[in-house]
Amino acid sequence: MSSAWTCDGCGVPHIDRPSCEACGTSSPTATAADLARTALKDAPAARAAQVEEAARGNHRLADHLDSVSDAHLDDALAMRRLAIA
């Protein structure tokens, strides 16, 4: 994906990203494969944030970020299945 677009959900502009980083809305031109790749990139970032917050003692946020990381991986798996189908 190599096009600029503005999110219809929240108005945040994006370049070379098939889903909104702020609210998760998909680009109108995104494919399932594009979304799977993005989810696989976002999962480690969420995991790193989780580890950082746990180290700071912010365990409630760390627990939430654990579920965010899992959700990204679930999304990647679902999008890959759609891309194959």
C-alpha atoms as a PDB file:
ATOM      1  CA  MET A   1       0.000   0.000   0.000  1.00  0.00           C
ATOM      2  CA  SER A   2       1.522   3.298  -1.003  1.00  0.00           C
ATOM      3  CA  SER A   3      -1.194   5.906  -0.920  1.00  0.00           C
ATOM      4  CA  ALA A   4      -2.105   8.730   1.390  1.00  0.00           C
ATOM      5  CA  TRP A   5      -5.568   8.738   2.916  1.00  0.00           C
ATOM      6  CA  THR A   6      -7.476  10.432   5.720  1.00  0.00           C
ATOM      7  CA  CYS A   7      -9.363   8.255   8.169  1.00  0.00           C
ATOM      8  CA  ASP A   8     -13.137   8.566   7.860  1.00  0.00           C
ATOM      9  CA  GLY A   9     -13.477   7.541  11.506  1.00  0.00           C
ATOM     10  CA  CYS A  10     -11.303  10.140  13.224  1.00  0.00           C
ATOM     11  CA  GLY A  11      -9.770  12.346  10.521  1.00  0.00           C
ATOM     12  CA  VAL A  12      -6.124  11.370  11.111  1.00  0.00           C
ATOM     13  CA  PRO A  13      -4.054  11.455   7.894  1.00  0.00           C
ATOM     14  CA  HIS A  14      -1.955   8.388   6.988  1.00  0.00           C
ATOM     15  CA  ILE A  15       0.716   7.536   4.451  1.00  0.00           C
ATOM     16  CA  ASP A  16       1.672   3.912   3.711  1.00  0.00           C
ATOM     17  CA  ARG A  17      -0.505   2.452   6.463  1.00  0.00           C
ATOM     18  CA  PRO A  18      -3.634   0.448   5.572  1.00  0.00           C
ATOM     19  CA  SER A  19      -5.395   1.041   8.887  1.00  0.00           C
ATOM     20  CA  CYS A  20      -5.705   4.043  11.177  1.00  0.00           C
ATOM     21  CA  GLU A  21      -3.196   3.971  13.997  1.00  0.00           C
ATOM     22  CA  ALA A  22      -5.528   6.046  16.177  1.00  0.00           C
ATOM     23  CA  CYS A  23      -8.866   4.247  15.810  1.00  0.00           C
ATOM     24  CA  GLY A  24      -8.282   1.131  13.668  1.00  0.00           C
ATOM     25  CA  THR A  25     -10.476   2.097  10.721  1.00  0.00           C
ATOM     26  CA  SER A  26      -9.300   0.466   7.487  1.00  0.00           C
ATOM     27  CA  SER A  27      -8.282   2.409   4.419  1.00  0.00           C
ATOM     28  CA  PRO A  28     -10.835   2.132   1.613  1.00  0.00           C
ATOM     29  CA  THR A  29      -8.136   0.558  -0.573  1.00  0.00           C
ATOM     30  CA  ALA A  30      -6.669  -1.840   2.020  1.00  0.00           C
ATOM     31  CA  THR A  31      -6.579  -5.530   1.255  1.00  0.00           C
ATOM     32  CA  ALA A  32      -6.767  -8.345   3.785  1.00  0.00           C
ATOM     33  CA  ALA A  33      -3.074  -9.042   3.182  1.00  0.00           C
ATOM     34  CA  ASP A  34      -2.215  -5.365   3.860  1.00  0.00           C
ATOM     35  CA  LEU A  35      -4.152  -5.456   7.121  1.00  0.00           C
ATOM     36  CA  ALA A  36      -2.517  -8.721   8.189  1.00  0.00           C
ATOM     37  CA  ARG A  37       0.963  -7.254   7.671  1.00  0.00           C
ATOM     38  CA  THR A  38       0.039  -4.157   9.666  1.00  0.00           C
ATOM     39  CA  ALA A  39      -1.372  -6.209  12.541  1.00  0.00           C
ATOM     40  CA  LEU A  40       1.837  -8.252  12.646  1.00  0.00           C
ATOM     41  CA  LYS A  41       3.841  -5.027  12.893  1.00  0.00           C
ATOM     42  CA  ASP A  42       1.586  -3.580  15.614  1.00  0.00           C
ATOM     43  CA  ALA A  43       1.620  -6.665  17.879  1.00  0.00           C
ATOM     44  CA  PRO A  44       5.306  -6.380  18.886  1.00  0.00           C
ATOM     45  CA  ALA A  45       4.882  -2.650  19.511  1.00  0.00           C
ATOM     46  CA  ALA A  46       2.000  -3.368  21.887  1.00  0.00           C
ATOM     47  CA  ARG A  47       4.057  -6.075  23.586  1.00  0.00           C
ATOM     48  CA  ALA A  48       7.010  -3.706  24.033  1.00  0.00           C
ATOM     49  CA  ALA A  49       4.701  -1.089  25.540  1.00  0.00           C
ATOM     50  CA  GLN A  50       3.281  -3.746  27.864  1.00  0.00           C
ATOM     51  CA  VAL A  51       6.740  -4.707  29.130  1.00  0.00           C
ATOM     52  CA  GLU A  52       7.675  -1.050  29.593  1.00  0.00           C
ATOM     53  CA  GLU A  53       4.523  -0.254  31.574  1.00  0.00           C
ATOM     54  CA  ALA A  54       4.930  -3.361  33.743  1.00  0.00           C
ATOM     55  CA  ALA A  55       8.494  -2.282  34.523  1.00  0.00           C
ATOM     56  CA  ARG A  56       7.140   1.122  35.586  1.00  0.00           C
ATOM     57  CA  GLY A  57       4.699  -0.586  37.922  1.00  0.00           C
ATOM     58  CA  ASN A  58       1.643   0.368  35.877  1.00  0.00           C
ATOM     59  CA  HIS A  59       0.181  -3.142  35.969  1.00  0.00           C
ATOM     60  CA  ARG A  60      -3.391  -2.235  34.986  1.00  0.00           C
ATOM     61  CA  LEU A  61      -2.177  -0.661  31.751  1.00  0.00           C
ATOM     62  CA  ALA A  62       0.247  -3.541  31.182  1.00  0.00           C
ATOM     63  CA  ASP A  63      -2.623  -6.023  31.537  1.00  0.00           C
ATOM     64  CA  HIS A  64      -4.647  -4.060  28.993  1.00  0.00           C
ATOM     65  CA  LEU A  65      -1.728  -3.906  26.555  1.00  0.00           C
ATOM     66  CA  ASP A  66      -1.409  -7.679  26.805  1.00  0.00           C
ATOM     67  CA  SER A  67      -4.924  -7.992  25.397  1.00  0.00           C
ATOM     68  CA  VAL A  68      -4.111  -5.400  22.718  1.00  0.00           C
ATOM     69  CA  SER A  69      -1.127  -7.441  21.565  1.00  0.00           C
ATOM     70  CA  ASP A  70      -3.278 -10.577  21.483  1.00  0.00           C
ATOM     71  CA  ALA A  71      -5.952  -8.738  19.504  1.00  0.00           C
ATOM     72  CA  HIS A  72      -3.399  -7.684  16.876  1.00  0.00           C
ATOM     73  CA  LEU A  73      -2.277 -11.286  16.487  1.00  0.00           C
ATOM     74  CA  ASP A  74      -5.896 -12.471  16.245  1.00  0.00           C
ATOM     75  CA  ASP A  75      -6.542  -9.822  13.588  1.00  0.00           C
ATOM     76  CA  ALA A  76      -3.466 -10.889  11.624  1.00  0.00           C
ATOM     77  CA  LEU A  77      -4.601 -14.504  11.631  1.00  0.00           C
ATOM     78  CA  ALA A  78      -8.131 -13.574  10.560  1.00  0.00           C
ATOM     79  CA  MET A  79      -6.891 -11.276   7.788  1.00  0.00           C
ATOM     80  CA  ARG A  80      -4.511 -13.925   6.485  1.00  0.00           C
ATOM     81  CA  ARG A  81      -7.369 -16.404   6.338  1.00  0.00           C
ATOM     82  CA  LEU A  82      -9.440 -13.880   4.395  1.00  0.00           C
ATOM     83  CA  ALA A  83      -6.557 -13.208   2.024  1.00  0.00           C
ATOM     84  CA  ILE A  84      -6.258 -16.938   1.312  1.00  0.00           C
ATOM     85  CA  ALA A  85      -9.991 -17.490   0.807  1.00  0.00           C
END
